[in-house]
Structure formats: C-alpha cells, structure tokens
Amino acid sequence: MELKDIDLNLLVVFNQLLIDRRVSKVATNLGLSQPGVSNALARLRKLTDDPLFLRTPKGMEPTPFAEQLAAPTASALQTIHAAINQRTSFDPATSARAFTIGMTDIGEIYFLPKLMKELARVAPGLSISTVRNTAVNLQDEMESGHVTLAIGLLPQLKSGYFQRRLFKQHYVCMFRRGHALDKRQISLAEFSRAEHVVVVSEGTGHGKADELLSRKKIVRKVVLTVPHYVAVGHILHGSDLVATVPERLAQALAEPFGLSHVRHPARLPEIAISLFWHGRYHRDPAVAWLRALIVRLHGEGGPG
C-alpha cells in the first residue's frame, strides 16, 4: 500500500474511533454523518484487509492490527497538526490553562508541594486538578484529553502511550522517631514481631509489596488496615506501629511527622515510577512544557 492510496481523513476517522468506540459519537465529534463514518471505516477495512473494529456491547472494539496502528497513527496525525499550527505557542507566564493529572495519594504527597511551588513562580495562571488513577477509566480519560498526564506504576498504559521514567525506589520500614526499631538496620525477626499498619492500595503497583511478603511467608502482626496512605504519617506519629512504604513517601513524611525509616529487611524489588501521556498530545506545547517541568523537578538527576 502506498501513501497516495490513503485519504488522510480516513485516518482521522480511525483515530477518533479508537477514542470514542461508537460510530454515532465519532460522527458528532467530527461533524460527519453516521453513514459517512461507516463509509470511511469500510474503505479503511478494504485498504488494510482487516476488520479494524468489531461491534460489541461495549462499543467498537479494535482488532489487534488496529491496536498496532493506534500509536503511530496518533503520533503522525499530531505531527501533521503541529506542523500546520506551528505558529501556536505556549507561554507559561501568561497562560491560564488547566491540567488534570492522574496520581495516587502518595503522588499528591510527594509531587504536588514542589510542583505547585514552582508553578506559582513561573506559571501563576495555570491550575492543576488530580484524579485517582483507579477512580476513572484512565485509558479513556487520557485518550480524550480529560486527563493530561499520569504518574505512577501503571503497566496498563501501553499501546498509544509515551512514558518517561522519573525514578526507581526501594520499599522501607517507617515508624516514629525513638521507636524500638529506630536504628541503622532491622532483622526479619524484629520486623515480624512488630505491630503493623497495612495500606491496601488496590489497583496500584504498591499492592505487590504485600503480595510478595505473603508469598515469602513473612509473618506480620497487622493491627490496622487502611485504604490509602494519606493518614499514615499521623498514625505512625502517635503510635508504635510500623508501615511498609515507598522510600520517597517516607522521605516526604519524615520531618513533618517526626518519623524515621530503614531499608526493608525483606528483599523487595525496586519499583519504577514513570510519567505517562497519550501519543495524541505528544507534541502539544503546553503538555510538553508541563512534562519537562515535572521531569526537571522529580526526574533522576533532578532536584527532586
């Protein structure tokens, strides 16, 4: 197949179908008739010799070949769009743009203070909203542009997404200063004898630490279970409980709550925290600027 055989508008329809998954919605968003969208899909099917989308109760589901085309098509369309509109610029000092970032409560504790301080300095008109990565259909929300970026351990974001690793970190044991375990290192026996608070963070990569401890048959006396990390600092400050948490969270909570942490006695793997964005917005000047700022503040080798 040669490029001369392809109508660019067919790729626009294809890309929108990947996002909306319904012919009627694509027609509305692109200002076309439903028969026009169906005709475009029929032409693409003939050109590619593939069904591309199959009707299901959930809408039009892409075939494996369509998923393979998704990222390069989105990137190519964005490149063309950026070239045609290259006079469009982004000035952070005067912009009033709003961004939504998907992150966990750990992310809010660790990333937001430094990010908001820097935005107040260099881009005072910008605003940030956050959503939980597990509270929305993150893939759909990022494809549609409702969520600009996502930060975390998010293996589900693959086809059609770019990512930039920010850092890798270990898990540590955290407790109040002056705790019996407040020393340079602790043993597995000491860890097992302690009383623990456990955070059940379903839908995030952090739950794997607890799964690994269970598989290793490492016993803990769990006296408190909570669904998020936001209260852990308060809980540890006023008790003798121990928590297994990511190292960067421990660093953020240490001073405000008078806490200490040591390397975890169990051999838990490092976790990689990355910044994700959809290929459709790869060349958006404002999104690119915000990505660069987050990498500068929190990327490996940066001040974060």
C-alpha atoms as a PDB file:
ATOM      1  CA  MET A   1       0.000   0.000   0.000  1.00  0.00           C
ATOM      2  CA  GLU A   2       1.269   3.461  -0.905  1.00  0.00           C
ATOM      3  CA  LEU A   3       0.517   6.728   0.877  1.00  0.00           C
ATOM      4  CA  LYS A   4      -1.059   8.078  -2.309  1.00  0.00           C
ATOM      5  CA  ASP A   5      -3.755   5.424  -1.908  1.00  0.00           C
ATOM      6  CA  ILE A   6      -4.805   6.690   1.532  1.00  0.00           C
ATOM      7  CA  ASP A   7      -7.156   9.579   2.230  1.00  0.00           C
ATOM      8  CA  LEU A   8      -5.885  11.350   5.367  1.00  0.00           C
ATOM      9  CA  ASN A   9      -9.481  11.847   6.520  1.00  0.00           C
ATOM     10  CA  LEU A  10      -9.806   8.073   6.842  1.00  0.00           C
ATOM     11  CA  LEU A  11      -7.027   8.090   9.433  1.00  0.00           C
ATOM     12  CA  VAL A  12      -8.749  10.919  11.292  1.00  0.00           C
ATOM     13  CA  VAL A  13     -11.898   8.798  11.499  1.00  0.00           C
ATOM     14  CA  PHE A  14      -9.828   5.753  12.530  1.00  0.00           C
ATOM     15  CA  ASN A  15      -8.125   7.699  15.326  1.00  0.00           C
ATOM     16  CA  GLN A  16     -11.450   9.072  16.587  1.00  0.00           C
ATOM     17  CA  LEU A  17     -12.967   5.585  16.582  1.00  0.00           C
ATOM     18  CA  LEU A  18     -10.115   4.427  18.811  1.00  0.00           C
ATOM     19  CA  ILE A  19     -11.084   7.162  21.266  1.00  0.00           C
ATOM     20  CA  ASP A  20     -14.893   7.144  21.114  1.00  0.00           C
ATOM     21  CA  ARG A  21     -15.573   3.485  20.172  1.00  0.00           C
ATOM     22  CA  ARG A  22     -19.028   4.434  18.801  1.00  0.00           C
ATOM     23  CA  VAL A  23     -19.896   5.486  15.235  1.00  0.00           C
ATOM     24  CA  SER A  24     -22.552   7.948  16.423  1.00  0.00           C
ATOM     25  CA  LYS A  25     -20.138   9.678  18.805  1.00  0.00           C
ATOM     26  CA  VAL A  26     -17.412   9.869  16.153  1.00  0.00           C
ATOM     27  CA  ALA A  27     -19.903  11.416  13.739  1.00  0.00           C
ATOM     28  CA  THR A  28     -20.850  14.054  16.301  1.00  0.00           C
ATOM     29  CA  ASN A  29     -17.266  14.888  17.259  1.00  0.00           C
ATOM     30  CA  LEU A  30     -16.051  15.142  13.670  1.00  0.00           C
ATOM     31  CA  GLY A  31     -19.147  16.848  12.275  1.00  0.00           C
ATOM     32  CA  LEU A  32     -19.939  13.966   9.922  1.00  0.00           C
ATOM     33  CA  SER A  33     -22.994  11.838   9.275  1.00  0.00           C
ATOM     34  CA  GLN A  34     -23.103   8.308  10.660  1.00  0.00           C
ATOM     35  CA  PRO A  35     -23.225   6.841   7.114  1.00  0.00           C
ATOM     36  CA  GLY A  36     -20.145   8.952   6.334  1.00  0.00           C
ATOM     37  CA  VAL A  37     -18.260   7.427   9.258  1.00  0.00           C
ATOM     38  CA  SER A  38     -19.396   3.926   8.314  1.00  0.00           C
ATOM     39  CA  ASN A  39     -18.320   4.508   4.713  1.00  0.00           C
ATOM     40  CA  ALA A  40     -14.877   5.710   5.871  1.00  0.00           C
ATOM     41  CA  LEU A  41     -14.482   2.604   8.027  1.00  0.00           C
ATOM     42  CA  ALA A  42     -15.496   0.371   5.111  1.00  0.00           C
ATOM     43  CA  ARG A  43     -12.874   1.999   2.882  1.00  0.00           C
ATOM     44  CA  LEU A  44     -10.196   1.547   5.564  1.00  0.00           C
ATOM     45  CA  ARG A  45     -11.149  -2.106   6.013  1.00  0.00           C
ATOM     46  CA  LYS A  46     -10.729  -2.659   2.290  1.00  0.00           C
ATOM     47  CA  LEU A  47      -7.376  -0.832   2.222  1.00  0.00           C
ATOM     48  CA  THR A  48      -5.943  -2.732   5.201  1.00  0.00           C
ATOM     49  CA  ASP A  49      -7.676  -6.058   4.572  1.00  0.00           C
ATOM     50  CA  ASP A  50      -8.623  -6.132   8.259  1.00  0.00           C
ATOM     51  CA  PRO A  51     -11.952  -5.596  10.118  1.00  0.00           C
ATOM     52  CA  LEU A  52     -10.203  -3.000  12.353  1.00  0.00           C
ATOM     53  CA  PHE A  53     -13.196  -2.728  14.720  1.00  0.00           C
ATOM     54  CA  LEU A  54     -15.710  -5.322  15.910  1.00  0.00           C
ATOM     55  CA  ARG A  55     -19.127  -4.445  17.313  1.00  0.00           C
ATOM     56  CA  THR A  56     -19.581  -5.479  20.963  1.00  0.00           C
ATOM     57  CA  PRO A  57     -21.989  -4.476  23.747  1.00  0.00           C
ATOM     58  CA  LYS A  58     -19.264  -2.076  24.938  1.00  0.00           C
ATOM     59  CA  GLY A  59     -18.931  -0.440  21.525  1.00  0.00           C
ATOM     60  CA  MET A  60     -16.489  -0.836  18.650  1.00  0.00           C
ATOM     61  CA  GLU A  61     -13.531  -2.861  19.935  1.00  0.00           C
ATOM     62  CA  PRO A  62     -10.273  -2.591  17.927  1.00  0.00           C
ATOM     63  CA  THR A  63      -8.662  -5.677  16.454  1.00  0.00           C
ATOM     64  CA  PRO A  64      -5.020  -6.488  17.266  1.00  0.00           C
ATOM     65  CA  PHE A  65      -3.985  -4.920  13.946  1.00  0.00           C
ATOM     66  CA  ALA A  66      -5.917  -1.720  14.780  1.00  0.00           C
ATOM     67  CA  GLU A  67      -4.176  -1.564  18.173  1.00  0.00           C
ATOM     68  CA  GLN A  68      -0.870  -1.952  16.376  1.00  0.00           C
ATOM     69  CA  LEU A  69      -1.728   1.037  14.173  1.00  0.00           C
ATOM     70  CA  ALA A  70      -3.024   3.166  17.061  1.00  0.00           C
ATOM     71  CA  ALA A  71       0.180   4.741  18.375  1.00  0.00           C
ATOM     72  CA  PRO A  72       1.879   5.520  15.036  1.00  0.00           C
ATOM     73  CA  THR A  73      -1.370   6.892  13.592  1.00  0.00           C
ATOM     74  CA  ALA A  74      -1.961   9.178  16.592  1.00  0.00           C
ATOM     75  CA  SER A  75       1.661  10.335  16.506  1.00  0.00           C
ATOM     76  CA  ALA A  76       1.550  11.014  12.747  1.00  0.00           C
ATOM     77  CA  LEU A  77      -1.690  13.000  12.988  1.00  0.00           C
ATOM     78  CA  GLN A  78      -0.341  15.008  15.907  1.00  0.00           C
ATOM     79  CA  THR A  79       2.852  15.739  13.954  1.00  0.00           C
ATOM     80  CA  ILE A  80       0.830  16.972  10.982  1.00  0.00           C
ATOM     81  CA  HIS A  81      -1.424  19.016  13.246  1.00  0.00           C
ATOM     82  CA  ALA A  82       1.575  20.572  14.995  1.00  0.00           C
ATOM     83  CA  ALA A  83       3.247  21.389  11.670  1.00  0.00           C
ATOM     84  CA  ILE A  84       0.131  23.088  10.310  1.00  0.00           C
ATOM     85  CA  ASN A  85      -0.361  25.021  13.543  1.00  0.00           C
ATOM     86  CA  GLN A  86       3.287  25.599  14.360  1.00  0.00           C
ATOM     87  CA  ARG A  87       2.665  29.290  14.997  1.00  0.00           C
ATOM     88  CA  THR A  88       0.732  28.249  18.097  1.00  0.00           C
ATOM     89  CA  SER A  89       2.950  28.759  21.120  1.00  0.00           C
ATOM     90  CA  PHE A  90       2.666  28.313  24.843  1.00  0.00           C
ATOM     91  CA  ASP A  91       3.720  30.999  27.282  1.00  0.00           C
ATOM     92  CA  PRO A  92       3.555  29.617  30.842  1.00  0.00           C
ATOM     93  CA  ALA A  93       3.882  33.089  32.352  1.00  0.00           C
ATOM     94  CA  THR A  94       0.577  34.247  30.808  1.00  0.00           C
ATOM     95  CA  SER A  95      -1.345  31.006  30.241  1.00  0.00           C
ATOM     96  CA  ALA A  96      -4.492  30.204  32.227  1.00  0.00           C
ATOM     97  CA  ARG A  97      -4.632  26.599  31.057  1.00  0.00           C
ATOM     98  CA  ALA A  98      -5.940  23.884  33.365  1.00  0.00           C
ATOM     99  CA  PHE A  99      -4.323  20.444  33.577  1.00  0.00           C
ATOM    100  CA  THR A 100      -5.558  17.221  35.169  1.00  0.00           C
ATOM    101  CA  ILE A 101      -3.010  14.695  36.420  1.00  0.00           C
ATOM    102  CA  GLY A 102      -3.755  11.119  37.438  1.00  0.00           C
ATOM    103  CA  MET A 103      -1.885  10.047  40.562  1.00  0.00           C
ATOM    104  CA  THR A 104      -2.229   8.222  43.863  1.00  0.00           C
ATOM    105  CA  ASP A 105      -2.362   9.831  47.284  1.00  0.00           C
ATOM    106  CA  ILE A 106       1.368   9.086  47.518  1.00  0.00           C
ATOM    107  CA  GLY A 107       1.830  11.146  44.379  1.00  0.00           C
ATOM    108  CA  GLU A 108      -0.117  14.043  45.838  1.00  0.00           C
ATOM    109  CA  ILE A 109       2.024  13.978  48.989  1.00  0.00           C
ATOM    110  CA  TYR A 110       5.330  13.660  47.161  1.00  0.00           C
ATOM    111  CA  PHE A 111       4.940  15.529  43.853  1.00  0.00           C
ATOM    112  CA  LEU A 112       2.452  18.342  44.431  1.00  0.00           C
ATOM    113  CA  PRO A 113       4.195  20.557  47.030  1.00  0.00           C
ATOM    114  CA  LYS A 114       7.269  21.151  44.883  1.00  0.00           C
ATOM    115  CA  LEU A 115       5.278  21.302  41.637  1.00  0.00           C
ATOM    116  CA  MET A 116       2.773  23.867  42.941  1.00  0.00           C
ATOM    117  CA  LYS A 117       5.557  25.999  44.420  1.00  0.00           C
ATOM    118  CA  GLU A 118       7.322  26.104  41.049  1.00  0.00           C
ATOM    119  CA  LEU A 119       4.102  26.804  39.136  1.00  0.00           C
ATOM    120  CA  ALA A 120       3.378  29.751  41.433  1.00  0.00           C
ATOM    121  CA  ARG A 121       6.776  31.123  40.471  1.00  0.00           C
ATOM    122  CA  VAL A 122       6.849  30.553  36.707  1.00  0.00           C
ATOM    123  CA  ALA A 123       3.215  29.989  35.667  1.00  0.00           C
ATOM    124  CA  PRO A 124       0.884  31.650  38.172  1.00  0.00           C
ATOM    125  CA  GLY A 125      -2.192  31.409  35.937  1.00  0.00           C
ATOM    126  CA  LEU A 126      -2.049  27.639  35.499  1.00  0.00           C
ATOM    127  CA  SER A 127      -4.241  25.333  37.563  1.00  0.00           C
ATOM    128  CA  ILE A 128      -3.877  21.653  38.431  1.00  0.00           C
ATOM    129  CA  SER A 129      -6.529  19.073  39.265  1.00  0.00           C
ATOM    130  CA  THR A 130      -5.806  15.495  40.289  1.00  0.00           C
ATOM    131  CA  VAL A 131      -7.771  12.287  39.901  1.00  0.00           C
ATOM    132  CA  ARG A 132      -7.066   8.857  41.304  1.00  0.00           C
ATOM    133  CA  ASN A 133      -5.643   6.537  38.669  1.00  0.00           C
ATOM    134  CA  THR A 134      -8.022   3.855  39.942  1.00  0.00           C
ATOM    135  CA  ALA A 135     -11.139   6.045  40.185  1.00  0.00           C
ATOM    136  CA  VAL A 136     -11.544   6.631  36.433  1.00  0.00           C
ATOM    137  CA  ASN A 137     -11.053   4.675  33.230  1.00  0.00           C
ATOM    138  CA  LEU A 138      -7.584   6.135  32.873  1.00  0.00           C
ATOM    139  CA  GLN A 139      -7.016   4.977  29.304  1.00  0.00           C
ATOM    140  CA  ASP A 140     -10.235   6.533  28.011  1.00  0.00           C
ATOM    141  CA  GLU A 141      -9.761   9.720  30.016  1.00  0.00           C
ATOM    142  CA  MET A 142      -6.224  10.219  28.708  1.00  0.00           C
ATOM    143  CA  GLU A 143      -7.169   9.388  25.115  1.00  0.00           C
ATOM    144  CA  SER A 144      -9.923  12.008  25.229  1.00  0.00           C
ATOM    145  CA  GLY A 145      -7.644  14.605  26.821  1.00  0.00           C
ATOM    146  CA  HIS A 146      -9.641  14.844  30.051  1.00  0.00           C
ATOM    147  CA  VAL A 147      -6.559  13.631  31.940  1.00  0.00           C
ATOM    148  CA  THR A 148      -3.367  15.265  30.689  1.00  0.00           C
ATOM    149  CA  LEU A 149      -0.707  13.176  32.404  1.00  0.00           C
ATOM    150  CA  ALA A 150      -0.483  10.251  34.792  1.00  0.00           C
ATOM    151  CA  ILE A 151       2.248   9.433  37.289  1.00  0.00           C
ATOM    152  CA  GLY A 152       2.883   6.098  38.939  1.00  0.00           C
ATOM    153  CA  LEU A 153       3.402   2.405  38.358  1.00  0.00           C
ATOM    154  CA  LEU A 154       0.867   1.906  35.549  1.00  0.00           C
ATOM    155  CA  PRO A 155       1.548  -1.220  33.463  1.00  0.00           C
ATOM    156  CA  GLN A 156      -1.890  -0.956  31.816  1.00  0.00           C
ATOM    157  CA  LEU A 157      -0.809   2.108  29.800  1.00  0.00           C
ATOM    158  CA  LYS A 158       0.906   0.563  26.796  1.00  0.00           C
ATOM    159  CA  SER A 159      -0.286   0.947  23.197  1.00  0.00           C
ATOM    160  CA  GLY A 160      -0.644   4.588  22.222  1.00  0.00           C
ATOM    161  CA  TYR A 161       1.203   5.970  25.249  1.00  0.00           C
ATOM    162  CA  PHE A 162       4.589   7.509  25.854  1.00  0.00           C
ATOM    163  CA  GLN A 163       6.338   7.244  29.187  1.00  0.00           C
ATOM    164  CA  ARG A 164       9.369   8.724  30.899  1.00  0.00           C
ATOM    165  CA  ARG A 165      10.800   7.065  33.994  1.00  0.00           C
ATOM    166  CA  LEU A 166      11.177   9.555  36.809  1.00  0.00           C
ATOM    167  CA  PHE A 167      12.993   7.381  39.336  1.00  0.00           C
ATOM    168  CA  LYS A 168      13.303   3.940  40.916  1.00  0.00           C
ATOM    169  CA  GLN A 169      12.879   3.450  44.628  1.00  0.00           C
ATOM    170  CA  HIS A 170      13.001   0.829  47.367  1.00  0.00           C
ATOM    171  CA  TYR A 171      10.443  -0.027  49.997  1.00  0.00           C
ATOM    172  CA  VAL A 172      11.343   0.884  53.564  1.00  0.00           C
ATOM    173  CA  CYS A 173      10.020   0.347  57.071  1.00  0.00           C
ATOM    174  CA  MET A 174       8.737   3.567  58.625  1.00  0.00           C
ATOM    175  CA  PHE A 175       7.926   4.360  62.283  1.00  0.00           C
ATOM    176  CA  ARG A 176       8.088   7.183  64.799  1.00  0.00           C
ATOM    177  CA  ARG A 177      11.452   8.508  65.962  1.00  0.00           C
ATOM    178  CA  GLY A 178      12.551   6.766  69.149  1.00  0.00           C
ATOM    179  CA  HIS A 179      10.774   3.541  68.183  1.00  0.00           C
ATOM    180  CA  ALA A 180      12.450   0.302  69.283  1.00  0.00           C
ATOM    181  CA  LEU A 181      13.311  -0.316  65.610  1.00  0.00           C
ATOM    182  CA  ASP A 182      14.805   3.146  65.103  1.00  0.00           C
ATOM    183  CA  LYS A 183      18.345   2.034  64.260  1.00  0.00           C
ATOM    184  CA  ARG A 184      20.548   1.507  61.213  1.00  0.00           C
ATOM    185  CA  GLN A 185      19.020  -1.816  60.179  1.00  0.00           C
ATOM    186  CA  ILE A 186      16.476  -4.315  61.418  1.00  0.00           C
ATOM    187  CA  SER A 187      16.115  -8.070  61.037  1.00  0.00           C
ATOM    188  CA  LEU A 188      13.193 -10.015  59.621  1.00  0.00           C
ATOM    189  CA  ALA A 189      12.534 -11.378  63.097  1.00  0.00           C
ATOM    190  CA  GLU A 190      12.248  -7.853  64.517  1.00  0.00           C
ATOM    191  CA  PHE A 191      10.023  -6.866  61.582  1.00  0.00           C
ATOM    192  CA  SER A 192       7.729  -9.822  62.215  1.00  0.00           C
ATOM    193  CA  ARG A 193       7.437  -9.150  65.955  1.00  0.00           C
ATOM    194  CA  ALA A 194       6.362  -5.532  65.437  1.00  0.00           C
ATOM    195  CA  GLU A 195       2.754  -4.387  65.117  1.00  0.00           C
ATOM    196  CA  HIS A 196       1.909  -3.115  61.635  1.00  0.00           C
ATOM    197  CA  VAL A 197      -0.419  -0.786  59.784  1.00  0.00           C
ATOM    198  CA  VAL A 198      -1.045  -2.017  56.229  1.00  0.00           C
ATOM    199  CA  VAL A 199      -2.279   0.092  53.335  1.00  0.00           C
ATOM    200  CA  VAL A 200      -4.490  -1.810  50.913  1.00  0.00           C
ATOM    201  CA  SER A 201      -3.891   0.194  47.731  1.00  0.00           C
ATOM    202  CA  GLU A 202      -5.899  -1.800  45.206  1.00  0.00           C
ATOM    203  CA  GLY A 203      -5.264  -1.040  41.565  1.00  0.00           C
ATOM    204  CA  THR A 204      -1.766   0.330  42.161  1.00  0.00           C
ATOM    205  CA  GLY A 205       1.592  -1.375  41.888  1.00  0.00           C
ATOM    206  CA  HIS A 206       2.208  -0.894  45.604  1.00  0.00           C
ATOM    207  CA  GLY A 207      -0.061  -3.808  46.469  1.00  0.00           C
ATOM    208  CA  LYS A 208       2.604  -6.113  45.035  1.00  0.00           C
ATOM    209  CA  ALA A 209       4.824  -5.493  48.065  1.00  0.00           C
ATOM    210  CA  ASP A 210       2.231  -7.042  50.357  1.00  0.00           C
ATOM    211  CA  GLU A 211       1.688  -9.916  47.912  1.00  0.00           C
ATOM    212  CA  LEU A 212       5.417 -10.637  47.879  1.00  0.00           C
ATOM    213  CA  LEU A 213       5.640 -10.602  51.684  1.00  0.00           C
ATOM    214  CA  SER A 214       2.792 -13.120  51.776  1.00  0.00           C
ATOM    215  CA  ARG A 215       4.413 -15.346  49.160  1.00  0.00           C
ATOM    216  CA  LYS A 216       7.664 -15.309  51.135  1.00  0.00           C
ATOM    217  CA  LYS A 217       5.591 -16.350  54.182  1.00  0.00           C
ATOM    218  CA  ILE A 218       6.870 -13.362  56.137  1.00  0.00           C
ATOM    219  CA  VAL A 219       4.535 -13.015  59.097  1.00  0.00           C
ATOM    220  CA  ARG A 220       3.334  -9.641  60.356  1.00  0.00           C
ATOM    221  CA  LYS A 221       1.049  -8.764  63.209  1.00  0.00           C
ATOM    222  CA  VAL A 222      -1.364  -6.473  61.362  1.00  0.00           C
ATOM    223  CA  VAL A 223      -3.438  -4.472  63.835  1.00  0.00           C
ATOM    224  CA  LEU A 224      -4.660  -1.766  61.445  1.00  0.00           C
ATOM    225  CA  THR A 225      -5.596  -1.759  57.749  1.00  0.00           C
ATOM    226  CA  VAL A 226      -6.406   1.447  55.859  1.00  0.00           C
ATOM    227  CA  PRO A 227      -7.330   2.086  52.194  1.00  0.00           C
ATOM    228  CA  HIS A 228      -4.845   4.883  51.495  1.00  0.00           C
ATOM    229  CA  TYR A 229      -1.530   6.369  52.535  1.00  0.00           C
ATOM    230  CA  VAL A 230      -2.711   9.865  53.381  1.00  0.00           C
ATOM    231  CA  ALA A 231      -3.219   9.135  57.112  1.00  0.00           C
ATOM    232  CA  VAL A 232      -0.090   7.017  57.617  1.00  0.00           C
ATOM    233  CA  GLY A 233       2.036   9.909  58.883  1.00  0.00           C
ATOM    234  CA  HIS A 234      -0.499  10.795  61.563  1.00  0.00           C
ATOM    235  CA  ILE A 235      -0.960   7.141  62.549  1.00  0.00           C
ATOM    236  CA  LEU A 236       2.755   6.389  62.922  1.00  0.00           C
ATOM    237  CA  HIS A 237       3.480   9.649  64.738  1.00  0.00           C
ATOM    238  CA  GLY A 238       1.074   8.758  67.526  1.00  0.00           C
ATOM    239  CA  SER A 239       1.692   5.019  67.862  1.00  0.00           C
ATOM    240  CA  ASP A 240       4.292   2.246  67.870  1.00  0.00           C
ATOM    241  CA  LEU A 241       3.055   0.818  64.571  1.00  0.00           C
ATOM    242  CA  VAL A 242       5.319   0.075  61.605  1.00  0.00           C
ATOM    243  CA  ALA A 243       4.432   0.605  57.928  1.00  0.00           C
ATOM    244  CA  THR A 244       5.959  -0.689  54.705  1.00  0.00           C
ATOM    245  CA  VAL A 245       6.031   2.279  52.317  1.00  0.00           C
ATOM    246  CA  PRO A 246       7.899   3.535  49.224  1.00  0.00           C
ATOM    247  CA  GLU A 247      11.119   5.342  50.057  1.00  0.00           C
ATOM    248  CA  ARG A 248      10.134   8.712  48.557  1.00  0.00           C
ATOM    249  CA  LEU A 249       6.953   8.803  50.623  1.00  0.00           C
ATOM    250  CA  ALA A 250       8.999   8.100  53.750  1.00  0.00           C
ATOM    251  CA  GLN A 251      11.312  10.991  52.877  1.00  0.00           C
ATOM    252  CA  ALA A 252       8.343  13.334  52.445  1.00  0.00           C
ATOM    253  CA  LEU A 253       6.727  12.332  55.762  1.00  0.00           C
ATOM    254  CA  ALA A 254       9.851  12.161  57.933  1.00  0.00           C
ATOM    255  CA  GLU A 255      10.181  15.806  59.005  1.00  0.00           C
ATOM    256  CA  PRO A 256       6.500  16.848  59.198  1.00  0.00           C
ATOM    257  CA  PHE A 257       5.587  13.870  61.398  1.00  0.00           C
ATOM    258  CA  GLY A 258       8.829  13.131  63.237  1.00  0.00           C
ATOM    259  CA  LEU A 259       9.332   9.745  61.586  1.00  0.00           C
ATOM    260  CA  SER A 260      12.298   7.539  60.762  1.00  0.00           C
ATOM    261  CA  HIS A 261      12.756   4.795  58.200  1.00  0.00           C
ATOM    262  CA  VAL A 262      15.201   1.968  57.460  1.00  0.00           C
ATOM    263  CA  ARG A 263      15.815  -0.277  54.467  1.00  0.00           C
ATOM    264  CA  HIS A 264      13.293  -3.087  54.418  1.00  0.00           C
ATOM    265  CA  PRO A 265      14.676  -6.386  55.806  1.00  0.00           C
ATOM    266  CA  ALA A 266      12.768  -8.377  53.152  1.00  0.00           C
ATOM    267  CA  ARG A 267      14.233  -8.493  49.658  1.00  0.00           C
ATOM    268  CA  LEU A 268      11.515  -6.436  47.977  1.00  0.00           C
ATOM    269  CA  PRO A 269      12.119  -5.365  44.362  1.00  0.00           C
ATOM    270  CA  GLU A 270      12.667  -1.757  43.346  1.00  0.00           C
ATOM    271  CA  ILE A 271       9.697  -0.017  41.776  1.00  0.00           C
ATOM    272  CA  ALA A 272       9.881   2.376  38.838  1.00  0.00           C
ATOM    273  CA  ILE A 273       7.700   5.476  38.920  1.00  0.00           C
ATOM    274  CA  SER A 274       7.034   6.928  35.476  1.00  0.00           C
ATOM    275  CA  LEU A 275       5.295   9.847  33.802  1.00  0.00           C
ATOM    276  CA  PHE A 276       2.748   8.847  31.120  1.00  0.00           C
ATOM    277  CA  TRP A 277       0.986  10.755  28.349  1.00  0.00           C
ATOM    278  CA  HIS A 278      -1.078   9.789  25.331  1.00  0.00           C
ATOM    279  CA  GLY A 279       0.507   9.939  21.882  1.00  0.00           C
ATOM    280  CA  ARG A 280      -2.256  12.256  20.729  1.00  0.00           C
ATOM    281  CA  TYR A 281      -0.818  15.039  22.908  1.00  0.00           C
ATOM    282  CA  HIS A 282       2.850  14.226  22.485  1.00  0.00           C
ATOM    283  CA  ARG A 283       3.565  17.468  20.621  1.00  0.00           C
ATOM    284  CA  ASP A 284       1.128  19.743  22.444  1.00  0.00           C
ATOM    285  CA  PRO A 285       3.399  22.645  23.523  1.00  0.00           C
ATOM    286  CA  ALA A 286       1.676  23.118  26.883  1.00  0.00           C
ATOM    287  CA  VAL A 287       1.715  19.412  27.739  1.00  0.00           C
ATOM    288  CA  ALA A 288       5.345  19.147  26.647  1.00  0.00           C
ATOM    289  CA  TRP A 289       6.235  22.089  28.902  1.00  0.00           C
ATOM    290  CA  LEU A 290       4.491  20.549  31.924  1.00  0.00           C
ATOM    291  CA  ARG A 291       6.162  17.192  31.285  1.00  0.00           C
ATOM    292  CA  ALA A 292       9.566  18.835  31.144  1.00  0.00           C
ATOM    293  CA  LEU A 293       8.881  20.705  34.378  1.00  0.00           C
ATOM    294  CA  ILE A 294       7.891  17.528  36.245  1.00  0.00           C
ATOM    295  CA  VAL A 295      10.971  15.716  34.927  1.00  0.00           C
ATOM    296  CA  ARG A 296      13.190  18.613  35.979  1.00  0.00           C
ATOM    297  CA  LEU A 297      11.729  18.698  39.488  1.00  0.00           C
ATOM    298  CA  HIS A 298      11.415  14.963  40.114  1.00  0.00           C
ATOM    299  CA  GLY A 299      13.350  13.048  37.488  1.00  0.00           C
ATOM    300  CA  GLU A 300      16.501  11.079  38.144  1.00  0.00           C
ATOM    301  CA  GLY A 301      19.362  13.507  38.455  1.00  0.00           C
ATOM    302  CA  GLY A 302      16.990  16.439  39.058  1.00  0.00           C
ATOM    303  CA  PRO A 303      16.497  18.436  42.259  1.00  0.00           C
ATOM    304  CA  GLY A 304      13.638  16.110  43.323  1.00  0.00           C
END
